[in-house]
Amino acid sequence: MISKNALLSAAGLALAVTSSAAPTAPTAQNWPEFRGAGAQGHSAATHLPLTWSPTSNIVWKAPVAGIGWSSPVVIGDRIFLTSALPVGGVEDPKANRSLHAMALDATTGKTVWDVELFTATAPRAHRKNSHASPTPVFEDGKLYVHFGHLGTACLDAANGKTVWATQEYAYSPVHGNGSSPVLFEDLLIFNADAETEPKVIALDKATGKARWTFARQSEAKKKFSFCTPLLIDVAGQKQLITPGSGVVNALDPKTGTEIWHFNYDQGYSVVPRPIYAHGMIYLSSGYDKPVLYAIKVDASSKGDVTASHLAWTIDKAAPHNPSMAVVGDELYFVADNGILTCADAKTGSVHYSERCTGPISASILAADGKLYLQDEKGLGVVVKPGKTFSVLAQNDLGERSLASYAVIGSDLLIRTEGNLYRVKK
């Protein structure tokens, strides 16, 4: 939780900002990591916009150079993004990439600072990926920026100056990078699920030096994945829930020691971030045909829990890419083809499964008594939570969009291929 004295004044990020090691409750003021302060796609904000268009309810529209599908991070009056610019300035899929982090003024959308951190030599990436897909994470005046196998850095968020930067932990991915980092106490942790020898890596957040590495073991034929871990509390014990190809591992975040694991029969290229509610982990198993698993987590979860802790599964319309959300007793998830499903979070009983959007990769946002979905063509669909499917609004920006929403005050931030929008009510 962001502490009360962490809110930034209009003077900017020179004031100290503090947060706990593992945010567990959403706040209306800040959006410090992928999927917000609670890391599960919820915001406590109210009076969010219901309708918008390219010409209505737009506070500002800021062009963002390069291509990046990282989501915005918001702290006070600053917005942070990453992007990959073509070296030489001419867009070409074969061009080398200049990997940037930048800060924008939240009031105007103007750039406050923009720094190059690394260059990448003609790296490959999937058509639905970018070379700047992982979302940064903010804590105590520092911005931690991750480009997967291409490098990781810590910046002074006030001015963009590099505290440390490393490319020491390179690995061989497939389709580029994707997993966003998380913070726990003095560690920066990220998945490194390469095509061979997949692992989880923890760095000292003050120095960038390795503190522990966990070697992931599974029977999956394809080892690569792109999932962002989730920190949870189980009966007073912190657990790092980290899905990969064929297996989800729960680790002690201090040491990287495994607490338990659960195997799924198939699944690779896992993308959706897991969520935790009602004493269960909800995750999707990835390609080629995703299965949604609800896995019970309690004090008895030790070792291999595959046979003992499965609560239920759903094998229809599970997501390949978008992360899910739980609101009350209902679980909401959207398949990549735009089919939105509402299921009982405790039993897996499906209430509805209906066409909602076009093809979609962005994660669901639950806020202000609504569900927000943003599809790949730029259509934002607002849905009323509940057991009956009810669309409240459809809002088309007409620009390609793969990044997930962020919330700033009572406004939405929507990233498209070329711009960042601040949308008001």
Protein backbone atom coordinates (compact mmCIF):
# COMPACT_ATOMS: atom_id res chain seq x y z
CA MET A 1 0.00 0.00 0.00
CA ILE A 2 1.30 3.45 -0.84
CA SER A 3 1.75 5.34 2.42
CA LYS A 4 -0.10 8.63 2.99
CA ASN A 5 3.07 10.70 3.03
CA ALA A 6 4.05 9.24 -0.34
CA LEU A 7 1.78 11.44 -2.43
CA LEU A 8 3.79 13.75 -4.61
CA SER A 9 3.33 17.50 -4.78
CA ALA A 10 3.11 19.46 -7.99
CA ALA A 11 6.81 20.11 -7.68
CA GLY A 12 7.37 16.58 -8.96
CA LEU A 13 9.26 13.54 -7.90
CA ALA A 14 11.88 15.24 -5.77
CA LEU A 15 9.85 14.35 -2.69
CA ALA A 16 10.38 10.92 -1.18
CA VAL A 17 7.86 8.23 -2.01
CA THR A 18 7.48 5.12 0.08
CA SER A 19 5.65 1.86 -0.48
CA SER A 20 5.59 -1.60 1.03
CA ALA A 21 7.51 -4.44 -0.54
CA ALA A 22 4.38 -6.13 -1.84
CA PRO A 23 1.39 -3.87 -2.46
CA THR A 24 -1.78 -5.65 -1.45
CA ALA A 25 -4.52 -3.01 -1.67
CA PRO A 26 -5.38 -0.65 -4.52
CA THR A 27 -5.22 3.11 -4.10
CA ALA A 28 -6.86 5.78 -6.19
CA GLN A 29 -3.71 7.92 -6.35
CA ASN A 30 -0.99 5.67 -7.77
CA TRP A 31 -0.52 2.83 -10.25
CA PRO A 32 3.01 1.59 -9.44
CA GLU A 33 3.26 -1.66 -11.42
CA PHE A 34 1.57 -3.92 -13.96
CA ARG A 35 -2.13 -4.20 -13.02
CA GLY A 36 -1.92 -1.54 -10.33
CA ALA A 37 -1.18 -1.25 -6.63
CA GLY A 38 -2.85 -4.57 -5.82
CA ALA A 39 -1.27 -6.25 -8.88
CA GLN A 40 -4.63 -7.82 -9.80
CA GLY A 41 -6.25 -5.23 -12.04
CA HIS A 42 -8.33 -3.39 -9.42
CA SER A 43 -8.54 0.32 -8.67
CA ALA A 44 -10.29 2.12 -5.82
CA ALA A 45 -10.83 5.14 -8.07
CA THR A 46 -14.32 6.53 -8.53
CA HIS A 47 -16.02 8.66 -11.19
CA LEU A 48 -14.09 6.99 -14.00
CA PRO A 49 -15.18 7.75 -17.57
CA LEU A 50 -17.89 5.65 -19.19
CA THR A 51 -17.68 7.04 -22.71
CA TRP A 52 -14.93 8.54 -24.87
CA SER A 53 -13.81 8.92 -28.47
CA PRO A 54 -10.82 10.46 -30.28
CA THR A 55 -12.51 13.84 -29.96
CA SER A 56 -14.46 13.63 -26.69
CA ASN A 57 -13.51 13.31 -23.02
CA ILE A 58 -9.80 13.45 -23.86
CA VAL A 59 -7.67 15.48 -21.42
CA TRP A 60 -4.67 15.14 -23.69
CA LYS A 61 -3.16 12.90 -26.35
CA ALA A 62 0.62 12.53 -26.21
CA PRO A 63 2.62 10.96 -29.05
CA VAL A 64 5.00 8.24 -27.88
CA ALA A 65 7.97 7.51 -30.14
CA GLY A 66 8.89 3.95 -31.01
CA ILE A 67 6.91 0.83 -30.19
CA GLY A 68 6.27 -0.51 -26.72
CA TRP A 69 3.43 -2.42 -25.11
CA SER A 70 4.40 -1.80 -21.50
CA SER A 71 1.55 -0.32 -19.47
CA PRO A 72 1.85 3.14 -17.92
CA VAL A 73 3.03 3.50 -14.31
CA VAL A 74 1.61 6.46 -12.37
CA ILE A 75 3.06 8.12 -9.27
CA GLY A 76 1.58 11.47 -8.32
CA ASP A 77 2.09 13.90 -11.19
CA ARG A 78 4.36 11.63 -13.23
CA ILE A 79 3.63 8.88 -15.75
CA PHE A 80 6.36 6.43 -16.70
CA LEU A 81 6.65 4.38 -19.89
CA THR A 82 9.18 2.37 -21.86
CA SER A 83 9.56 2.17 -25.62
CA ALA A 84 11.83 0.75 -28.31
CA LEU A 85 12.93 3.22 -30.97
CA PRO A 86 14.53 2.18 -34.27
CA VAL A 87 18.21 3.11 -34.35
CA GLY A 88 18.62 5.70 -37.08
CA GLY A 89 15.07 6.93 -36.68
CA VAL A 90 13.53 5.01 -39.59
CA GLU A 91 10.99 2.34 -38.67
CA ASP A 92 12.08 -1.05 -40.02
CA PRO A 93 11.37 -4.47 -38.45
CA LYS A 94 15.02 -5.37 -39.03
CA ALA A 95 16.43 -2.21 -37.46
CA ASN A 96 18.42 -2.26 -34.26
CA ARG A 97 16.48 -0.95 -31.28
CA SER A 98 17.20 1.82 -28.82
CA LEU A 99 15.50 0.94 -25.54
CA HIS A 100 14.14 3.96 -23.65
CA ALA A 101 12.43 4.88 -20.41
CA MET A 102 10.55 8.16 -20.16
CA ALA A 103 8.56 10.30 -17.76
CA LEU A 104 5.55 12.40 -18.76
CA ASP A 105 3.87 15.23 -16.90
CA ALA A 106 0.45 13.93 -15.88
CA THR A 107 -1.24 17.32 -16.28
CA THR A 108 -0.06 18.11 -19.79
CA GLY A 109 1.28 14.84 -21.25
CA LYS A 110 4.58 16.61 -22.03
CA THR A 111 7.83 14.67 -21.73
CA VAL A 112 9.79 15.45 -18.57
CA TRP A 113 12.74 13.18 -19.33
CA ASP A 114 13.60 10.49 -21.85
CA VAL A 115 16.70 8.30 -21.53
CA GLU A 116 18.25 5.55 -23.61
CA LEU A 117 19.25 2.55 -21.50
CA PHE A 118 20.30 -0.16 -23.94
CA THR A 119 20.56 -0.94 -27.63
CA ALA A 120 19.54 -4.27 -29.06
CA THR A 121 20.93 -5.70 -32.28
CA ALA A 122 18.04 -6.54 -34.63
CA PRO A 123 16.22 -8.58 -31.98
CA ARG A 124 13.26 -10.72 -32.95
CA ALA A 125 9.80 -10.28 -31.49
CA HIS A 126 6.35 -11.69 -32.12
CA ARG A 127 3.92 -9.48 -34.07
CA LYS A 128 1.90 -9.05 -30.86
CA ASN A 129 4.98 -8.31 -28.78
CA SER A 130 7.46 -5.45 -28.68
CA HIS A 131 11.01 -4.93 -27.44
CA ALA A 132 9.55 -2.89 -24.59
CA SER A 133 6.64 -4.99 -23.31
CA PRO A 134 7.40 -5.43 -19.58
CA THR A 135 5.85 -2.75 -17.38
CA PRO A 136 8.23 -0.89 -14.99
CA VAL A 137 7.73 -0.91 -11.22
CA PHE A 138 8.15 2.05 -8.86
CA GLU A 139 9.21 2.21 -5.21
CA ASP A 140 10.88 4.78 -2.92
CA GLY A 141 11.72 7.26 -5.67
CA LYS A 142 13.23 4.59 -7.92
CA LEU A 143 11.92 3.28 -11.23
CA TYR A 144 12.92 -0.29 -12.08
CA VAL A 145 12.86 -0.85 -15.82
CA HIS A 146 13.07 -4.30 -17.37
CA PHE A 147 13.49 -5.35 -21.00
CA GLY A 148 13.64 -9.09 -20.35
CA HIS A 149 16.70 -10.70 -21.91
CA LEU A 150 17.80 -7.30 -23.26
CA GLY A 151 18.59 -5.69 -19.89
CA THR A 152 17.38 -4.35 -16.56
CA ALA A 153 17.98 -0.97 -14.91
CA CYS A 154 17.20 1.14 -11.87
CA LEU A 155 16.61 4.87 -12.41
CA ASP A 156 16.17 7.90 -10.22
CA ALA A 157 12.54 8.62 -11.04
CA ALA A 158 12.97 12.36 -10.51
CA ASN A 159 15.43 12.87 -13.36
CA GLY A 160 15.94 9.56 -15.16
CA LYS A 161 19.56 9.20 -14.06
CA THR A 162 20.78 5.61 -14.02
CA VAL A 163 21.46 4.11 -10.58
CA TRP A 164 22.52 0.79 -12.09
CA ALA A 165 22.02 -1.06 -15.36
CA THR A 166 22.86 -4.63 -16.32
CA GLN A 167 22.71 -6.98 -19.27
CA GLU A 168 24.39 -9.73 -17.31
CA TYR A 169 21.28 -11.93 -17.12
CA ALA A 170 20.66 -12.44 -20.83
CA TYR A 171 18.90 -15.57 -22.02
CA SER A 172 17.52 -16.94 -25.27
CA PRO A 173 13.79 -16.18 -25.49
CA VAL A 174 11.24 -16.99 -28.14
CA HIS A 175 9.10 -14.12 -29.47
CA GLY A 176 10.92 -11.47 -27.39
CA ASN A 177 10.34 -10.32 -23.80
CA GLY A 178 7.15 -10.00 -21.78
CA SER A 179 7.38 -10.72 -18.04
CA SER A 180 7.21 -7.61 -15.84
CA PRO A 181 9.29 -7.46 -12.63
CA VAL A 182 8.04 -7.40 -9.04
CA LEU A 183 9.56 -6.03 -5.85
CA PHE A 184 9.86 -7.79 -2.51
CA GLU A 185 11.78 -6.18 0.36
CA ASP A 186 15.29 -5.61 -1.05
CA LEU A 187 14.79 -7.76 -4.17
CA LEU A 188 13.74 -7.18 -7.78
CA ILE A 189 12.34 -10.46 -9.13
CA PHE A 190 11.41 -11.54 -12.66
CA ASN A 191 10.71 -14.66 -14.68
CA ALA A 192 13.29 -15.64 -17.28
CA ASP A 193 11.51 -18.47 -19.06
CA ALA A 194 13.84 -19.04 -21.99
CA GLU A 195 13.55 -21.70 -24.68
CA THR A 196 16.00 -23.74 -22.59
CA GLU A 197 16.79 -23.71 -18.86
CA PRO A 198 13.86 -21.52 -17.74
CA LYS A 199 14.38 -19.80 -14.40
CA VAL A 200 13.27 -17.12 -11.97
CA ILE A 201 15.88 -14.50 -11.02
CA ALA A 202 16.08 -12.19 -8.02
CA LEU A 203 18.41 -9.18 -8.07
CA ASP A 204 19.52 -6.95 -5.24
CA LYS A 205 17.42 -3.88 -6.00
CA ALA A 206 20.17 -1.55 -4.76
CA THR A 207 22.95 -2.97 -6.94
CA GLY A 208 21.47 -5.15 -9.69
CA LYS A 209 23.54 -8.13 -8.55
CA ALA A 210 22.02 -11.61 -8.46
CA ARG A 211 20.79 -12.80 -5.07
CA TRP A 212 19.11 -16.07 -6.00
CA THR A 213 18.05 -18.11 -9.04
CA PHE A 214 15.37 -20.78 -9.20
CA ALA A 215 15.63 -23.37 -11.98
CA ARG A 216 12.14 -24.24 -13.21
CA GLN A 217 11.46 -27.93 -13.91
CA SER A 218 8.55 -29.23 -15.97
CA GLU A 219 7.64 -31.78 -18.62
CA ALA A 220 6.59 -29.09 -21.10
CA LYS A 221 8.15 -29.67 -24.52
CA LYS A 222 8.32 -25.93 -25.14
CA LYS A 223 9.89 -24.14 -22.18
CA PHE A 224 9.40 -20.47 -23.03
CA SER A 225 6.81 -18.30 -21.28
CA PHE A 226 6.14 -14.61 -20.52
CA CYS A 227 4.20 -14.52 -17.25
CA THR A 228 4.53 -11.90 -14.50
CA PRO A 229 4.76 -13.36 -10.96
CA LEU A 230 2.34 -12.45 -8.17
CA LEU A 231 3.19 -11.98 -4.49
CA ILE A 232 0.56 -13.26 -2.06
CA ASP A 233 0.21 -13.87 1.68
CA VAL A 234 -0.85 -17.34 2.86
CA ALA A 235 -1.43 -17.60 6.61
CA GLY A 236 1.28 -15.01 7.22
CA GLN A 237 3.75 -16.55 4.76
CA LYS A 238 4.76 -14.57 1.68
CA GLN A 239 4.66 -16.64 -1.50
CA LEU A 240 5.82 -15.74 -5.01
CA ILE A 241 3.42 -17.37 -7.46
CA THR A 242 5.26 -17.83 -10.73
CA PRO A 243 3.64 -19.73 -13.62
CA GLY A 244 5.75 -21.11 -16.44
CA SER A 245 5.41 -23.70 -19.17
CA GLY A 246 3.72 -26.79 -17.73
CA VAL A 247 3.98 -25.76 -14.08
CA VAL A 248 3.21 -23.06 -11.54
CA ASN A 249 5.71 -22.74 -8.69
CA ALA A 250 5.21 -21.04 -5.35
CA LEU A 251 8.55 -19.77 -4.01
CA ASP A 252 9.77 -18.19 -0.82
CA PRO A 253 10.56 -14.74 -2.22
CA LYS A 254 13.41 -14.23 0.23
CA THR A 255 15.40 -17.26 -0.87
CA GLY A 256 13.88 -18.67 -4.07
CA THR A 257 13.19 -21.98 -2.31
CA GLU A 258 10.15 -23.82 -3.64
CA ILE A 259 7.16 -24.11 -1.31
CA TRP A 260 4.85 -26.01 -3.67
CA HIS A 261 4.20 -26.65 -7.33
CA PHE A 262 1.28 -27.70 -9.51
CA ASN A 263 1.72 -29.32 -12.93
CA TYR A 264 -0.63 -28.84 -15.87
CA ASP A 265 -0.69 -31.50 -18.59
CA GLN A 266 0.10 -29.07 -21.36
CA GLY A 267 0.76 -25.41 -21.77
CA TYR A 268 3.60 -23.14 -22.83
CA SER A 269 4.04 -19.46 -23.70
CA VAL A 270 2.05 -18.60 -20.57
CA VAL A 271 1.22 -14.88 -20.48
CA PRO A 272 -1.69 -13.96 -18.16
CA ARG A 273 -0.65 -12.83 -14.68
CA PRO A 274 -2.24 -15.09 -12.04
CA ILE A 275 -4.74 -13.72 -9.56
CA TYR A 276 -5.53 -14.75 -5.97
CA ALA A 277 -8.93 -14.71 -4.27
CA HIS A 278 -11.14 -16.97 -2.14
CA GLY A 279 -8.07 -18.96 -1.09
CA MET A 280 -7.31 -19.94 -4.68
CA ILE A 281 -4.85 -19.09 -7.43
CA TYR A 282 -6.47 -18.63 -10.84
CA LEU A 283 -4.26 -19.05 -13.88
CA SER A 284 -4.42 -19.93 -17.56
CA SER A 285 -2.09 -22.61 -18.89
CA GLY A 286 -1.12 -20.96 -22.18
CA TYR A 287 -0.79 -22.32 -25.69
CA ASP A 288 -1.93 -24.18 -27.66
CA LYS A 289 -5.30 -24.64 -25.94
CA PRO A 290 -5.44 -22.79 -22.63
CA VAL A 291 -7.14 -24.29 -19.59
CA LEU A 292 -8.16 -22.14 -16.64
CA TYR A 293 -7.12 -23.68 -13.32
CA ALA A 294 -8.36 -22.79 -9.84
CA ILE A 295 -5.79 -24.09 -7.36
CA LYS A 296 -6.42 -24.12 -3.61
CA VAL A 297 -3.66 -22.52 -1.53
CA ASP A 298 -3.46 -23.00 2.24
CA ALA A 299 -1.01 -23.89 4.98
CA SER A 300 -0.98 -27.51 3.76
CA SER A 301 0.31 -26.53 0.32
CA LYS A 302 3.74 -28.19 0.25
CA GLY A 303 5.64 -30.01 -2.48
CA ASP A 304 3.69 -31.43 -5.42
CA VAL A 305 0.03 -30.43 -4.94
CA THR A 306 -1.15 -31.43 -8.42
CA ALA A 307 -3.33 -34.29 -7.18
CA SER A 308 -4.52 -32.68 -3.95
CA HIS A 309 -5.22 -28.97 -4.48
CA LEU A 310 -7.10 -28.61 -7.76
CA ALA A 311 -10.47 -26.94 -7.10
CA TRP A 312 -11.86 -26.84 -10.65
CA THR A 313 -11.01 -26.13 -14.30
CA ILE A 314 -12.62 -24.46 -17.31
CA ASP A 315 -11.39 -25.45 -20.76
CA LYS A 316 -13.57 -23.18 -22.92
CA ALA A 317 -12.78 -19.55 -23.79
CA ALA A 318 -9.77 -19.35 -21.45
CA PRO A 319 -7.30 -16.56 -22.24
CA HIS A 320 -3.97 -16.91 -24.00
CA ASN A 321 -2.94 -13.32 -23.13
CA PRO A 322 -5.36 -11.15 -21.09
CA SER A 323 -5.17 -11.40 -17.30
CA MET A 324 -8.37 -12.05 -15.33
CA ALA A 325 -10.20 -10.27 -12.52
CA VAL A 326 -12.34 -11.34 -9.55
CA VAL A 327 -15.14 -9.06 -8.36
CA GLY A 328 -16.97 -10.39 -5.31
CA ASP A 329 -17.79 -14.03 -5.95
CA GLU A 330 -17.44 -13.79 -9.72
CA LEU A 331 -14.40 -14.46 -11.88
CA TYR A 332 -14.17 -12.64 -15.19
CA PHE A 333 -11.89 -13.64 -18.05
CA VAL A 334 -11.76 -12.81 -21.73
CA ALA A 335 -10.45 -15.08 -24.46
CA ASP A 336 -8.19 -13.61 -27.11
CA ASN A 337 -11.09 -13.74 -29.59
CA GLY A 338 -13.13 -11.37 -27.39
CA ILE A 339 -15.45 -13.83 -25.63
CA LEU A 340 -16.02 -12.61 -22.06
CA THR A 341 -16.89 -15.25 -19.45
CA CYS A 342 -18.30 -14.77 -15.98
CA ALA A 343 -17.97 -17.77 -13.66
CA ASP A 344 -18.53 -18.47 -10.00
CA ALA A 345 -15.05 -17.99 -8.52
CA LYS A 346 -15.61 -20.69 -5.90
CA THR A 347 -17.10 -23.45 -8.04
CA GLY A 348 -16.26 -22.64 -11.67
CA SER A 349 -19.92 -22.70 -12.66
CA VAL A 350 -20.29 -20.48 -15.75
CA HIS A 351 -22.92 -17.74 -15.60
CA TYR A 352 -22.36 -16.50 -19.15
CA SER A 353 -19.89 -16.54 -22.02
CA GLU A 354 -20.60 -13.83 -24.57
CA ARG A 355 -18.94 -11.95 -27.43
CA CYS A 356 -17.70 -8.67 -25.95
CA THR A 357 -14.80 -7.26 -27.98
CA GLY A 358 -12.75 -7.95 -31.05
CA PRO A 359 -9.39 -9.73 -30.72
CA ILE A 360 -7.87 -8.69 -27.38
CA SER A 361 -4.58 -8.96 -25.50
CA ALA A 362 -4.94 -6.31 -22.77
CA SER A 363 -5.92 -7.32 -19.24
CA ILE A 364 -9.28 -6.61 -17.60
CA LEU A 365 -9.57 -3.58 -15.32
CA ALA A 366 -12.10 -3.69 -12.46
CA ALA A 367 -12.87 -0.22 -11.12
CA ASP A 368 -15.69 2.10 -10.12
CA GLY A 369 -18.27 -0.69 -10.26
CA LYS A 370 -17.36 -1.52 -13.86
CA LEU A 371 -15.20 -3.80 -15.97
CA TYR A 372 -13.04 -2.17 -18.65
CA LEU A 373 -11.74 -4.11 -21.67
CA GLN A 374 -9.55 -2.70 -24.46
CA ASP A 375 -9.23 -4.68 -27.67
CA GLU A 376 -6.42 -4.75 -30.21
CA LYS A 377 -8.15 -2.36 -32.62
CA GLY A 378 -8.63 0.29 -29.93
CA LEU A 379 -12.21 -0.47 -28.92
CA GLY A 380 -12.84 0.08 -25.22
CA VAL A 381 -15.84 -1.85 -23.89
CA VAL A 382 -17.33 -1.11 -20.46
CA VAL A 383 -19.27 -3.96 -18.85
CA LYS A 384 -21.47 -4.06 -15.76
CA PRO A 385 -20.26 -6.72 -13.29
CA GLY A 386 -22.81 -9.38 -12.47
CA LYS A 387 -24.12 -12.78 -13.48
CA THR A 388 -25.93 -11.33 -16.51
CA PHE A 389 -23.97 -9.92 -19.46
CA SER A 390 -24.57 -6.18 -19.77
CA VAL A 391 -22.52 -3.80 -21.93
CA LEU A 392 -22.63 -0.21 -20.68
CA ALA A 393 -20.60 1.48 -23.43
CA GLN A 394 -18.39 0.96 -26.46
CA ASN A 395 -15.67 3.51 -27.19
CA ASP A 396 -13.50 3.31 -30.29
CA LEU A 397 -10.17 5.15 -30.47
CA GLY A 398 -9.43 3.58 -33.86
CA GLU A 399 -5.78 2.84 -33.04
CA ARG A 400 -4.05 -0.49 -32.47
CA SER A 401 -3.73 -1.20 -28.75
CA LEU A 402 -2.20 -4.12 -26.85
CA ALA A 403 -1.25 -2.43 -23.55
CA SER A 404 -3.41 -2.71 -20.43
CA TYR A 405 -5.17 0.22 -18.80
CA ALA A 406 -3.75 2.33 -16.00
CA VAL A 407 -5.71 4.63 -13.69
CA ILE A 408 -4.72 8.17 -12.70
CA GLY A 409 -6.98 9.96 -10.26
CA SER A 410 -10.45 9.60 -11.79
CA ASP A 411 -9.10 9.20 -15.32
CA LEU A 412 -7.95 6.34 -17.52
CA LEU A 413 -4.63 6.05 -19.35
CA ILE A 414 -4.86 4.19 -22.65
CA ARG A 415 -1.75 3.38 -24.66
CA THR A 416 -2.06 2.85 -28.40
CA GLU A 417 0.59 2.10 -30.99
CA GLY A 418 1.55 5.73 -31.36
CA ASN A 419 -0.02 7.65 -28.49
CA LEU A 420 -0.90 7.79 -24.83
CA TYR A 421 -4.37 9.13 -23.99
CA ARG A 422 -5.62 10.55 -20.73
CA VAL A 423 -9.39 10.03 -20.70
CA LYS A 424 -11.75 11.84 -18.32
CA LYS A 425 -15.42 11.47 -17.41
